[in-house]
N, C-alpha and C. Protein backbone atom coordinates (compact mmCIF):
# COMPACT_ATOMS: atom_id res chain seq x y z
N UNK A 1 6.32 7.15 6.41
CA UNK A 1 5.30 6.12 6.55
C UNK A 1 5.32 5.51 7.94
N UNK A 2 6.41 5.65 8.68
CA UNK A 2 6.51 5.07 10.01
C UNK A 2 6.31 3.55 9.97
N UNK A 3 7.18 2.87 9.26
CA UNK A 3 7.17 1.41 9.14
C UNK A 3 8.49 0.86 9.67
N UNK A 4 8.43 -0.25 10.40
CA UNK A 4 9.62 -0.90 10.94
C UNK A 4 9.63 -2.35 10.48
N UNK A 5 10.80 -2.84 10.05
CA UNK A 5 10.98 -4.27 9.79
C UNK A 5 12.15 -4.77 10.62
N UNK A 6 12.02 -5.99 11.12
CA UNK A 6 13.05 -6.60 11.95
C UNK A 6 13.17 -8.07 11.59
N UNK A 7 14.36 -8.64 11.72
CA UNK A 7 14.55 -10.06 11.52
C UNK A 7 15.59 -10.58 12.50
N UNK A 8 15.47 -11.87 12.83
CA UNK A 8 16.35 -12.44 13.85
C UNK A 8 17.73 -12.80 13.31
N UNK A 9 17.86 -12.99 11.99
CA UNK A 9 19.15 -13.33 11.38
C UNK A 9 19.06 -13.13 9.88
N UNK A 10 20.22 -12.96 9.23
CA UNK A 10 20.26 -12.83 7.78
C UNK A 10 20.72 -14.11 7.10
N UNK A 11 21.26 -15.04 7.84
CA UNK A 11 21.83 -16.26 7.24
C UNK A 11 21.07 -17.51 7.67
N UNK A 12 19.82 -17.35 8.07
CA UNK A 12 19.01 -18.47 8.56
C UNK A 12 17.69 -18.48 7.80
N UNK A 13 17.46 -19.54 7.01
CA UNK A 13 16.23 -19.65 6.24
C UNK A 13 14.99 -19.63 7.13
N UNK A 14 15.15 -20.11 8.35
CA UNK A 14 14.02 -20.19 9.28
C UNK A 14 13.96 -18.99 10.23
N UNK A 15 14.68 -17.92 9.91
CA UNK A 15 14.71 -16.74 10.77
C UNK A 15 13.32 -16.13 10.92
N UNK A 16 13.15 -15.38 11.99
CA UNK A 16 11.91 -14.64 12.21
C UNK A 16 11.98 -13.30 11.50
N UNK A 17 10.84 -12.86 10.98
CA UNK A 17 10.71 -11.56 10.33
C UNK A 17 9.44 -10.89 10.81
N UNK A 18 9.53 -9.61 11.13
CA UNK A 18 8.37 -8.83 11.57
C UNK A 18 8.31 -7.54 10.76
N UNK A 19 7.13 -7.22 10.25
CA UNK A 19 6.85 -5.92 9.66
C UNK A 19 5.77 -5.25 10.48
N UNK A 20 5.99 -4.00 10.89
CA UNK A 20 5.13 -3.32 11.87
C UNK A 20 4.94 -1.88 11.41
N UNK A 21 3.71 -1.36 11.50
CA UNK A 21 3.47 -0.04 10.93
C UNK A 21 2.70 0.91 11.83
N UNK A 22 3.05 2.18 11.69
CA UNK A 22 2.23 3.29 12.14
C UNK A 22 1.62 3.89 10.89
N UNK A 23 1.85 5.21 10.68
CA UNK A 23 1.42 5.80 9.42
C UNK A 23 0.25 6.74 9.54
N UNK A 24 -0.54 6.82 8.46
CA UNK A 24 -1.61 7.81 8.32
C UNK A 24 -2.81 7.13 7.68
N UNK A 25 -3.89 7.00 8.44
CA UNK A 25 -5.09 6.36 7.90
C UNK A 25 -5.71 7.14 6.75
N UNK A 26 -5.43 8.44 6.67
CA UNK A 26 -6.03 9.28 5.62
C UNK A 26 -5.18 9.31 4.35
N UNK A 27 -4.05 8.62 4.33
CA UNK A 27 -3.21 8.60 3.13
C UNK A 27 -3.95 7.93 1.98
N UNK A 28 -3.59 8.27 0.76
CA UNK A 28 -4.23 7.70 -0.42
C UNK A 28 -4.16 6.17 -0.40
N UNK A 29 -5.30 5.52 -0.60
CA UNK A 29 -5.43 4.06 -0.66
C UNK A 29 -5.19 3.38 0.70
N UNK A 30 -5.04 4.13 1.77
CA UNK A 30 -4.73 3.53 3.08
C UNK A 30 -5.93 2.80 3.66
N UNK A 31 -5.65 1.86 4.53
CA UNK A 31 -6.65 1.18 5.35
C UNK A 31 -6.54 1.72 6.77
N UNK A 32 -7.52 1.41 7.61
CA UNK A 32 -7.45 1.80 9.02
C UNK A 32 -6.67 0.71 9.77
N UNK A 33 -5.36 0.67 9.57
CA UNK A 33 -4.55 -0.45 10.03
C UNK A 33 -3.34 -0.02 10.85
N UNK A 34 -3.45 1.12 11.52
CA UNK A 34 -2.33 1.55 12.37
C UNK A 34 -2.06 0.51 13.45
N UNK A 35 -0.78 0.16 13.63
CA UNK A 35 -0.41 -0.82 14.64
C UNK A 35 -0.46 -2.26 14.15
N UNK A 36 -0.78 -2.47 12.87
CA UNK A 36 -0.85 -3.83 12.34
C UNK A 36 0.56 -4.38 12.10
N UNK A 37 0.66 -5.71 12.05
CA UNK A 37 1.96 -6.34 11.81
C UNK A 37 1.79 -7.65 11.06
N UNK A 38 2.88 -8.11 10.43
CA UNK A 38 2.98 -9.46 9.88
C UNK A 38 4.14 -10.14 10.57
N UNK A 39 4.10 -11.48 10.61
CA UNK A 39 5.12 -12.23 11.35
C UNK A 39 5.39 -13.55 10.65
N UNK A 40 6.66 -13.77 10.28
CA UNK A 40 7.13 -15.02 9.68
C UNK A 40 8.16 -15.66 10.60
N UNK A 41 8.15 -16.98 10.67
CA UNK A 41 9.22 -17.71 11.35
C UNK A 41 9.18 -19.16 10.87
N UNK A 42 10.34 -19.80 10.79
CA UNK A 42 10.46 -21.18 10.32
C UNK A 42 9.90 -21.35 8.91
N UNK A 43 10.04 -20.31 8.07
CA UNK A 43 9.58 -20.41 6.69
C UNK A 43 8.08 -20.32 6.51
N UNK A 44 7.35 -19.94 7.55
CA UNK A 44 5.89 -19.86 7.50
C UNK A 44 5.46 -18.44 7.87
N UNK A 45 4.51 -17.91 7.11
CA UNK A 45 3.87 -16.65 7.53
C UNK A 45 2.72 -17.00 8.45
N UNK A 46 2.84 -16.58 9.70
CA UNK A 46 1.83 -16.89 10.71
C UNK A 46 0.79 -15.78 10.83
N UNK A 47 1.23 -14.55 10.81
CA UNK A 47 0.31 -13.42 10.90
C UNK A 47 0.22 -12.76 9.53
N UNK A 48 -0.96 -12.80 8.92
CA UNK A 48 -1.18 -12.34 7.55
C UNK A 48 -1.79 -10.95 7.51
N UNK A 49 -1.48 -10.23 6.43
CA UNK A 49 -2.26 -9.06 6.04
C UNK A 49 -3.08 -9.46 4.82
N UNK A 50 -4.35 -9.14 4.80
CA UNK A 50 -5.24 -9.58 3.73
C UNK A 50 -4.99 -8.86 2.41
N UNK A 51 -4.31 -7.71 2.46
CA UNK A 51 -3.93 -7.04 1.23
C UNK A 51 -5.02 -6.21 0.60
N UNK A 52 -4.80 -5.84 -0.66
CA UNK A 52 -5.72 -4.96 -1.37
C UNK A 52 -7.03 -5.67 -1.69
N UNK A 53 -8.07 -4.87 -1.85
CA UNK A 53 -9.39 -5.39 -2.15
C UNK A 53 -9.73 -5.12 -3.62
N UNK A 54 -10.94 -5.42 -4.03
CA UNK A 54 -11.44 -5.15 -5.37
C UNK A 54 -11.84 -3.67 -5.44
N UNK A 55 -11.10 -2.90 -6.20
CA UNK A 55 -11.36 -1.46 -6.27
C UNK A 55 -12.69 -1.13 -6.94
N UNK A 56 -13.33 -2.11 -7.58
CA UNK A 56 -14.62 -1.88 -8.24
C UNK A 56 -15.81 -2.13 -7.32
N UNK A 57 -15.56 -2.45 -6.06
CA UNK A 57 -16.66 -2.64 -5.12
C UNK A 57 -17.45 -1.34 -4.98
N UNK A 58 -18.76 -1.42 -4.78
CA UNK A 58 -19.59 -0.21 -4.67
C UNK A 58 -19.11 0.71 -3.55
N UNK A 59 -18.87 1.96 -3.88
CA UNK A 59 -18.49 2.96 -2.89
C UNK A 59 -17.15 2.72 -2.24
N UNK A 60 -16.26 1.94 -2.90
CA UNK A 60 -15.00 1.57 -2.26
C UNK A 60 -14.13 2.78 -1.93
N UNK A 61 -14.16 3.78 -2.77
CA UNK A 61 -13.42 5.01 -2.49
C UNK A 61 -14.38 6.14 -2.11
N UNK A 62 -15.54 5.76 -1.59
CA UNK A 62 -16.55 6.74 -1.20
C UNK A 62 -17.15 6.44 0.15
N UNK A 63 -18.46 6.58 0.23
CA UNK A 63 -19.15 6.47 1.51
C UNK A 63 -19.11 5.07 2.11
N UNK A 64 -18.90 4.04 1.29
CA UNK A 64 -18.91 2.67 1.80
C UNK A 64 -17.51 2.13 2.11
N UNK A 65 -16.50 2.97 1.99
CA UNK A 65 -15.13 2.47 2.13
C UNK A 65 -14.91 1.71 3.43
N UNK A 66 -15.43 2.24 4.52
CA UNK A 66 -15.17 1.62 5.82
C UNK A 66 -16.21 0.57 6.18
N UNK A 67 -17.04 0.18 5.19
CA UNK A 67 -17.96 -0.95 5.39
C UNK A 67 -17.29 -2.28 5.06
N UNK A 68 -16.16 -2.24 4.34
CA UNK A 68 -15.53 -3.47 3.87
C UNK A 68 -14.49 -3.97 4.88
N UNK A 69 -14.51 -5.29 5.06
CA UNK A 69 -13.69 -5.90 6.11
C UNK A 69 -12.20 -5.60 5.94
N UNK A 70 -11.70 -5.69 4.72
CA UNK A 70 -10.27 -5.53 4.51
C UNK A 70 -9.79 -4.11 4.78
N UNK A 71 -10.65 -3.13 4.69
CA UNK A 71 -10.24 -1.75 4.94
C UNK A 71 -10.39 -1.36 6.40
N UNK A 72 -11.26 -2.06 7.14
CA UNK A 72 -11.51 -1.72 8.53
C UNK A 72 -10.38 -2.24 9.43
N UNK A 73 -10.31 -1.69 10.61
CA UNK A 73 -9.28 -2.10 11.57
C UNK A 73 -9.42 -3.57 11.96
N UNK A 74 -10.65 -4.05 12.09
CA UNK A 74 -10.85 -5.44 12.49
C UNK A 74 -10.35 -6.42 11.43
N UNK A 75 -10.10 -5.95 10.20
CA UNK A 75 -9.57 -6.79 9.16
C UNK A 75 -8.05 -6.83 9.13
N UNK A 76 -7.42 -6.31 10.19
CA UNK A 76 -5.96 -6.25 10.28
C UNK A 76 -5.51 -6.75 11.65
N UNK A 77 -4.21 -6.98 11.78
CA UNK A 77 -3.65 -7.51 13.03
C UNK A 77 -3.36 -6.36 13.99
N UNK A 78 -4.43 -5.73 14.43
CA UNK A 78 -4.29 -4.60 15.33
C UNK A 78 -5.45 -4.60 16.31
N UNK A 79 -5.57 -3.55 17.10
CA UNK A 79 -6.60 -3.44 18.12
C UNK A 79 -7.88 -2.82 17.56
N UNK A 80 -9.00 -3.27 18.07
CA UNK A 80 -10.24 -2.52 17.96
C UNK A 80 -10.69 -2.20 19.38
N UNK A 81 -11.13 -0.97 19.58
CA UNK A 81 -11.55 -0.51 20.90
C UNK A 81 -12.93 0.12 20.77
N UNK A 82 -13.92 -0.52 21.39
CA UNK A 82 -15.31 -0.05 21.34
C UNK A 82 -15.81 0.10 19.91
N UNK A 83 -15.48 -0.82 19.03
CA UNK A 83 -15.99 -0.77 17.67
C UNK A 83 -15.01 -1.36 16.68
N UNK A 84 -15.45 -1.47 15.39
CA UNK A 84 -14.63 -2.17 14.40
C UNK A 84 -13.54 -1.33 13.76
N UNK A 85 -13.50 -0.01 14.06
CA UNK A 85 -12.63 0.84 13.28
C UNK A 85 -11.89 1.88 14.10
N UNK A 86 -10.68 2.20 13.64
CA UNK A 86 -9.94 3.35 14.15
C UNK A 86 -10.51 4.62 13.52
N UNK A 87 -10.08 5.77 14.01
CA UNK A 87 -10.42 7.04 13.38
C UNK A 87 -9.80 7.07 11.98
N UNK A 88 -10.61 7.20 10.91
CA UNK A 88 -10.06 7.17 9.55
C UNK A 88 -9.09 8.32 9.25
N UNK A 89 -9.04 9.32 10.10
CA UNK A 89 -8.13 10.45 9.87
C UNK A 89 -6.92 10.41 10.80
N UNK A 90 -6.78 9.35 11.58
CA UNK A 90 -5.72 9.29 12.60
C UNK A 90 -4.35 9.03 12.00
N UNK A 91 -3.34 9.50 12.71
CA UNK A 91 -1.95 9.20 12.39
C UNK A 91 -1.31 8.52 13.59
N UNK A 92 -0.22 7.81 13.34
CA UNK A 92 0.48 7.11 14.42
C UNK A 92 1.97 7.09 14.10
N UNK A 93 2.76 7.60 15.03
CA UNK A 93 4.21 7.68 14.83
C UNK A 93 4.93 6.57 15.60
N UNK A 94 6.03 6.11 15.04
CA UNK A 94 6.94 5.23 15.78
C UNK A 94 7.68 6.11 16.78
N UNK A 95 7.48 5.85 18.07
CA UNK A 95 8.04 6.73 19.10
C UNK A 95 9.26 6.14 19.80
N UNK A 96 9.55 4.87 19.55
CA UNK A 96 10.75 4.25 20.11
C UNK A 96 11.18 3.12 19.20
N UNK A 97 12.52 2.95 19.07
CA UNK A 97 13.04 1.91 18.19
C UNK A 97 14.45 1.54 18.61
N UNK A 98 14.75 0.24 18.54
CA UNK A 98 16.10 -0.25 18.78
C UNK A 98 16.44 -1.28 17.72
N UNK A 99 17.61 -1.09 17.09
CA UNK A 99 18.10 -2.06 16.10
C UNK A 99 19.10 -3.03 16.71
N UNK A 100 19.25 -3.03 18.03
CA UNK A 100 20.17 -3.92 18.71
C UNK A 100 19.79 -5.38 18.41
N UNK A 101 20.67 -6.18 17.80
CA UNK A 101 20.32 -7.56 17.47
C UNK A 101 19.85 -8.38 18.66
N UNK A 102 20.28 -8.02 19.85
CA UNK A 102 19.87 -8.77 21.05
C UNK A 102 18.58 -8.24 21.66
N UNK A 103 18.11 -7.08 21.17
CA UNK A 103 16.90 -6.49 21.75
C UNK A 103 16.25 -5.55 20.74
N UNK A 104 15.84 -6.09 19.60
CA UNK A 104 15.21 -5.28 18.56
C UNK A 104 13.74 -5.06 18.90
N UNK A 105 13.33 -3.80 18.94
CA UNK A 105 11.94 -3.51 19.27
C UNK A 105 11.52 -2.19 18.65
N UNK A 106 10.19 -1.98 18.62
CA UNK A 106 9.63 -0.72 18.16
C UNK A 106 8.33 -0.47 18.91
N UNK A 107 8.01 0.81 19.14
CA UNK A 107 6.78 1.21 19.81
C UNK A 107 6.09 2.26 18.96
N UNK A 108 4.79 2.10 18.76
CA UNK A 108 4.01 3.08 18.00
C UNK A 108 2.95 3.67 18.93
N UNK A 109 2.73 4.97 18.81
CA UNK A 109 1.72 5.68 19.60
C UNK A 109 0.42 5.69 18.79
N UNK A 110 -0.57 4.91 19.23
CA UNK A 110 -1.85 4.77 18.54
C UNK A 110 -2.95 5.64 19.15
N UNK A 111 -2.59 6.55 20.02
CA UNK A 111 -3.59 7.29 20.80
C UNK A 111 -4.60 8.03 19.92
N UNK A 112 -4.15 8.61 18.82
CA UNK A 112 -5.05 9.39 17.96
C UNK A 112 -6.07 8.51 17.24
N UNK A 113 -5.80 7.22 17.17
CA UNK A 113 -6.67 6.31 16.44
C UNK A 113 -7.90 5.88 17.24
N UNK A 114 -7.88 6.09 18.55
CA UNK A 114 -8.93 5.58 19.42
C UNK A 114 -9.48 6.71 20.30
N UNK A 115 -10.55 7.39 19.88
CA UNK A 115 -11.08 8.53 20.62
C UNK A 115 -11.54 8.19 22.04
N UNK A 116 -11.91 6.93 22.30
CA UNK A 116 -12.41 6.57 23.62
C UNK A 116 -11.30 6.30 24.62
N UNK A 117 -10.04 6.39 24.20
CA UNK A 117 -8.90 6.13 25.08
C UNK A 117 -8.07 7.39 25.27
N UNK A 118 -7.44 7.49 26.44
CA UNK A 118 -6.53 8.61 26.70
C UNK A 118 -5.18 8.36 26.03
N UNK A 119 -4.72 7.13 26.08
CA UNK A 119 -3.44 6.78 25.47
C UNK A 119 -3.45 5.31 25.08
N UNK A 120 -2.92 5.01 23.88
CA UNK A 120 -2.76 3.64 23.43
C UNK A 120 -1.38 3.51 22.81
N UNK A 121 -0.56 2.64 23.38
CA UNK A 121 0.77 2.35 22.87
C UNK A 121 0.86 0.87 22.52
N UNK A 122 1.48 0.56 21.39
CA UNK A 122 1.73 -0.84 21.03
C UNK A 122 3.21 -1.01 20.75
N UNK A 123 3.80 -2.03 21.37
CA UNK A 123 5.21 -2.34 21.14
C UNK A 123 5.38 -3.76 20.66
N UNK A 124 6.34 -3.98 19.75
CA UNK A 124 6.70 -5.33 19.32
C UNK A 124 8.19 -5.52 19.55
N UNK A 125 8.56 -6.71 20.01
CA UNK A 125 9.96 -6.99 20.32
C UNK A 125 10.31 -8.40 19.89
N UNK A 126 11.39 -8.55 19.15
CA UNK A 126 11.90 -9.88 18.80
C UNK A 126 12.75 -10.41 19.95
N UNK A 127 12.40 -11.60 20.41
CA UNK A 127 13.17 -12.28 21.45
C UNK A 127 13.64 -13.59 20.85
N UNK A 128 14.86 -13.61 20.29
CA UNK A 128 15.26 -14.73 19.47
C UNK A 128 14.37 -14.76 18.24
N UNK A 129 13.68 -15.89 18.03
CA UNK A 129 12.69 -15.98 16.95
C UNK A 129 11.28 -15.68 17.44
N UNK A 130 11.13 -15.54 18.75
CA UNK A 130 9.83 -15.26 19.33
C UNK A 130 9.46 -13.80 19.21
N UNK A 131 8.17 -13.53 19.32
CA UNK A 131 7.66 -12.17 19.20
C UNK A 131 6.82 -11.83 20.42
N UNK A 132 7.16 -10.72 21.07
CA UNK A 132 6.36 -10.17 22.16
C UNK A 132 5.61 -8.97 21.64
N UNK A 133 4.28 -8.97 21.80
CA UNK A 133 3.45 -7.82 21.45
C UNK A 133 2.83 -7.30 22.74
N UNK A 134 3.09 -6.03 23.06
CA UNK A 134 2.60 -5.45 24.30
C UNK A 134 1.78 -4.20 24.00
N UNK A 135 0.55 -4.18 24.52
CA UNK A 135 -0.34 -3.03 24.35
C UNK A 135 -0.61 -2.39 25.70
N UNK A 136 -0.54 -1.07 25.73
CA UNK A 136 -0.88 -0.30 26.93
C UNK A 136 -2.04 0.62 26.57
N UNK A 137 -3.19 0.39 27.22
CA UNK A 137 -4.40 1.14 26.93
C UNK A 137 -4.86 1.83 28.20
N UNK A 138 -4.93 3.15 28.18
CA UNK A 138 -5.38 3.93 29.33
C UNK A 138 -6.67 4.66 28.96
N UNK A 139 -7.72 4.48 29.77
CA UNK A 139 -9.01 5.12 29.51
C UNK A 139 -9.62 5.61 30.82
N UNK A 140 -10.59 6.50 30.70
CA UNK A 140 -11.30 6.98 31.89
C UNK A 140 -12.41 6.02 32.30
N UNK A 141 -12.99 5.32 31.33
CA UNK A 141 -14.08 4.39 31.58
C UNK A 141 -13.74 3.04 30.96
N UNK A 142 -14.37 1.95 31.43
CA UNK A 142 -14.12 0.64 30.83
C UNK A 142 -14.44 0.64 29.34
N UNK A 143 -13.65 -0.06 28.55
CA UNK A 143 -13.86 -0.17 27.11
C UNK A 143 -13.68 -1.63 26.69
N UNK A 144 -14.26 -1.99 25.56
CA UNK A 144 -14.10 -3.32 24.99
C UNK A 144 -12.89 -3.30 24.04
N UNK A 145 -11.93 -4.15 24.32
CA UNK A 145 -10.71 -4.21 23.52
C UNK A 145 -10.61 -5.59 22.88
N UNK A 146 -10.38 -5.62 21.56
CA UNK A 146 -10.14 -6.87 20.85
C UNK A 146 -8.84 -6.76 20.07
N UNK A 147 -8.05 -7.82 20.12
CA UNK A 147 -6.73 -7.89 19.48
C UNK A 147 -6.82 -8.98 18.44
N UNK A 148 -6.75 -8.61 17.15
CA UNK A 148 -6.94 -9.56 16.07
C UNK A 148 -5.62 -10.09 15.52
N UNK A 149 -5.61 -11.36 15.14
CA UNK A 149 -4.44 -12.03 14.57
C UNK A 149 -4.93 -12.92 13.44
N UNK A 150 -4.75 -12.48 12.19
CA UNK A 150 -5.23 -13.22 11.03
C UNK A 150 -4.19 -14.26 10.60
N UNK A 151 -4.65 -15.48 10.38
CA UNK A 151 -3.73 -16.56 10.04
C UNK A 151 -4.42 -17.57 9.14
N UNK A 152 -3.61 -18.30 8.37
CA UNK A 152 -4.11 -19.43 7.59
C UNK A 152 -3.87 -20.76 8.31
N UNK A 153 -3.24 -20.70 9.45
CA UNK A 153 -2.88 -21.92 10.17
C UNK A 153 -4.10 -22.56 10.84
N UNK A 154 -3.96 -23.85 11.13
CA UNK A 154 -4.94 -24.54 11.95
C UNK A 154 -4.75 -24.08 13.40
N UNK A 155 -5.85 -23.80 14.09
CA UNK A 155 -5.77 -23.20 15.42
C UNK A 155 -6.37 -24.15 16.45
N UNK A 156 -5.67 -24.33 17.55
CA UNK A 156 -6.21 -25.09 18.68
C UNK A 156 -6.06 -24.22 19.93
N UNK A 157 -7.20 -23.91 20.55
CA UNK A 157 -7.21 -23.08 21.75
C UNK A 157 -7.02 -23.96 22.98
N UNK A 158 -6.18 -23.52 23.92
CA UNK A 158 -5.96 -24.26 25.16
C UNK A 158 -7.19 -24.27 26.04
N UNK A 159 -7.21 -25.18 27.00
CA UNK A 159 -8.39 -25.35 27.87
C UNK A 159 -8.74 -24.09 28.64
N UNK A 160 -7.73 -23.32 29.01
CA UNK A 160 -8.01 -22.09 29.78
C UNK A 160 -8.26 -20.88 28.88
N UNK A 161 -8.21 -21.09 27.56
CA UNK A 161 -8.43 -20.03 26.57
C UNK A 161 -7.41 -18.90 26.66
N UNK A 162 -6.27 -19.19 27.27
CA UNK A 162 -5.20 -18.19 27.35
C UNK A 162 -3.95 -18.62 26.59
N UNK A 163 -4.04 -19.78 25.94
CA UNK A 163 -2.98 -20.24 25.05
C UNK A 163 -3.62 -20.72 23.75
N UNK A 164 -2.80 -20.75 22.70
CA UNK A 164 -3.26 -21.27 21.42
C UNK A 164 -2.06 -21.86 20.69
N UNK A 165 -2.30 -22.94 19.94
CA UNK A 165 -1.27 -23.56 19.12
C UNK A 165 -1.69 -23.47 17.66
N UNK A 166 -0.80 -22.90 16.83
CA UNK A 166 -1.05 -22.80 15.40
C UNK A 166 -0.21 -23.87 14.68
N UNK A 167 -0.80 -24.50 13.67
CA UNK A 167 -0.10 -25.52 12.90
C UNK A 167 -0.22 -25.20 11.42
N UNK A 168 0.93 -25.19 10.72
CA UNK A 168 0.95 -24.93 9.28
C UNK A 168 2.22 -25.52 8.69
N UNK A 169 2.09 -26.20 7.56
CA UNK A 169 3.24 -26.77 6.85
C UNK A 169 4.10 -27.63 7.78
N UNK A 170 3.44 -28.41 8.64
CA UNK A 170 4.10 -29.30 9.60
C UNK A 170 4.95 -28.53 10.62
N UNK A 171 4.70 -27.24 10.75
CA UNK A 171 5.37 -26.41 11.76
C UNK A 171 4.32 -25.95 12.77
N UNK A 172 4.76 -25.61 13.96
CA UNK A 172 3.84 -25.14 14.99
C UNK A 172 4.34 -23.83 15.59
N UNK A 173 3.40 -23.05 16.07
CA UNK A 173 3.72 -21.84 16.81
C UNK A 173 2.80 -21.77 18.02
N UNK A 174 3.35 -21.33 19.14
CA UNK A 174 2.62 -21.28 20.41
C UNK A 174 2.35 -19.83 20.77
N UNK A 175 1.09 -19.51 21.09
CA UNK A 175 0.69 -18.18 21.53
C UNK A 175 0.28 -18.24 22.98
N UNK A 176 0.65 -17.23 23.74
CA UNK A 176 0.29 -17.19 25.16
C UNK A 176 -0.05 -15.77 25.56
N UNK A 177 -1.17 -15.63 26.27
CA UNK A 177 -1.56 -14.34 26.84
C UNK A 177 -0.87 -14.19 28.19
N UNK A 178 -0.20 -13.08 28.40
CA UNK A 178 0.47 -12.82 29.67
C UNK A 178 -0.42 -12.00 30.59
N UNK A 179 -0.97 -10.91 30.10
CA UNK A 179 -1.89 -10.06 30.85
C UNK A 179 -2.86 -9.43 29.87
N UNK A 180 -4.03 -8.94 30.34
CA UNK A 180 -4.55 -9.02 31.70
C UNK A 180 -5.20 -10.37 31.98
N UNK A 181 -5.55 -10.61 33.22
CA UNK A 181 -6.12 -11.90 33.60
C UNK A 181 -7.47 -12.16 32.95
N UNK A 182 -8.19 -11.10 32.58
CA UNK A 182 -9.51 -11.26 31.99
C UNK A 182 -9.48 -11.57 30.50
N UNK A 183 -8.31 -11.45 29.86
CA UNK A 183 -8.21 -11.66 28.42
C UNK A 183 -8.31 -13.14 28.07
N UNK A 184 -8.82 -13.44 26.88
CA UNK A 184 -8.96 -14.83 26.45
C UNK A 184 -8.90 -14.90 24.93
N UNK A 185 -8.53 -16.07 24.41
CA UNK A 185 -8.51 -16.32 22.98
C UNK A 185 -9.85 -16.89 22.53
N UNK A 186 -10.22 -16.57 21.28
CA UNK A 186 -11.32 -17.24 20.62
C UNK A 186 -11.04 -17.25 19.12
N UNK A 187 -11.68 -18.16 18.40
CA UNK A 187 -11.49 -18.28 16.95
C UNK A 187 -12.73 -17.76 16.25
N UNK A 188 -12.53 -17.01 15.18
CA UNK A 188 -13.65 -16.50 14.39
C UNK A 188 -13.29 -16.55 12.92
N UNK A 189 -14.29 -16.80 12.06
CA UNK A 189 -14.07 -16.70 10.63
C UNK A 189 -13.95 -15.23 10.25
N UNK A 190 -13.07 -14.93 9.28
CA UNK A 190 -12.99 -13.58 8.78
C UNK A 190 -14.33 -13.19 8.14
N UNK A 191 -14.77 -11.98 8.40
CA UNK A 191 -16.07 -11.50 7.93
C UNK A 191 -15.91 -10.96 6.50
N UNK A 192 -15.70 -11.87 5.54
CA UNK A 192 -15.51 -11.47 4.16
C UNK A 192 -16.56 -12.16 3.29
N UNK A 193 -17.31 -11.38 2.54
CA UNK A 193 -18.31 -11.94 1.64
C UNK A 193 -17.61 -12.48 0.39
N UNK A 194 -17.63 -13.81 0.14
CA UNK A 194 -16.88 -14.39 -0.97
C UNK A 194 -17.25 -13.80 -2.33
N UNK A 195 -18.51 -13.40 -2.50
CA UNK A 195 -18.95 -12.91 -3.81
C UNK A 195 -18.31 -11.58 -4.17
N UNK A 196 -17.88 -10.81 -3.18
CA UNK A 196 -17.35 -9.48 -3.46
C UNK A 196 -15.92 -9.30 -3.00
N UNK A 197 -15.47 -10.08 -2.03
CA UNK A 197 -14.13 -9.91 -1.49
C UNK A 197 -13.44 -11.26 -1.42
N UNK A 198 -13.03 -11.78 -2.57
CA UNK A 198 -12.44 -13.11 -2.61
C UNK A 198 -11.06 -13.10 -1.97
N UNK A 199 -10.73 -14.19 -1.27
CA UNK A 199 -9.43 -14.33 -0.63
C UNK A 199 -9.22 -15.79 -0.28
N UNK A 200 -8.02 -16.15 0.06
CA UNK A 200 -7.79 -17.48 0.59
C UNK A 200 -8.49 -17.59 1.93
N UNK A 201 -8.90 -18.80 2.34
CA UNK A 201 -9.58 -18.94 3.62
C UNK A 201 -8.73 -18.40 4.76
N UNK A 202 -9.36 -17.67 5.64
CA UNK A 202 -8.65 -17.07 6.77
C UNK A 202 -9.40 -17.37 8.06
N UNK A 203 -8.66 -17.44 9.11
CA UNK A 203 -9.23 -17.49 10.45
C UNK A 203 -8.65 -16.33 11.25
N UNK A 204 -9.34 -15.94 12.26
CA UNK A 204 -8.87 -14.87 13.12
C UNK A 204 -8.77 -15.40 14.54
N UNK A 205 -7.58 -15.27 15.13
CA UNK A 205 -7.43 -15.56 16.55
C UNK A 205 -7.60 -14.23 17.27
N UNK A 206 -8.59 -14.17 18.13
CA UNK A 206 -8.87 -12.92 18.82
C UNK A 206 -8.64 -13.09 20.31
N UNK A 207 -8.14 -12.04 20.95
CA UNK A 207 -8.26 -12.03 22.40
C UNK A 207 -8.87 -10.70 22.80
N UNK A 208 -9.76 -10.77 23.77
CA UNK A 208 -10.49 -9.58 24.16
C UNK A 208 -10.62 -9.49 25.65
N UNK A 209 -11.03 -8.34 26.10
CA UNK A 209 -11.23 -8.12 27.52
C UNK A 209 -11.68 -6.70 27.76
N UNK A 210 -11.67 -6.29 29.01
CA UNK A 210 -12.02 -4.94 29.38
C UNK A 210 -10.78 -4.25 29.87
N UNK A 211 -10.66 -2.97 29.55
CA UNK A 211 -9.47 -2.23 29.94
C UNK A 211 -9.85 -0.86 30.43
N UNK A 212 -9.16 -0.39 31.45
CA UNK A 212 -9.35 0.96 31.94
C UNK A 212 -8.13 1.39 32.72
N UNK A 213 -8.03 2.68 32.93
CA UNK A 213 -6.84 3.21 33.64
C UNK A 213 -6.99 2.98 35.14
């Protein structure tokens, strides 16, 4: 399945936990969610996965499968490049991993998921309780890249739109964009129709920009 889990400690209730996946979009019941992750720290889940949908939705296992938000890439904590979805037949392998408690990290090769890119790598690294997510996107032509982060927390975007503060259960988490200079945060409601895809209220913290080799 190419799944990695990491945590900052085993004896700390407020420890950080990360679940990160590669895998196969064509696997039975799979979503187009290669490179997605969840993130807990201080007893709060900050980065959510929306989970399974209503299997009785029209065409859910047929022609309409990739019309539904929860099955599409944009409905997960991963990248979208020039559109809402990865290649539904793509696979992604974990190509690097370290279990070193002082430097736990994993890298997944997402290149097959994005036909408009030459290479796409995503790495996650625990730094204490903090999480670094690094994406490397190489293309021949400029592309639109969006990085989604689904959360139930209250979101406040910084004045320069390159920082964000999340608040939940009287706890806070700080997000900061390091590169590229053109990237920025914005808040969007999850595109879920309540009548057919019920869920707890969600918000999406997005950062987007243009990328090329």
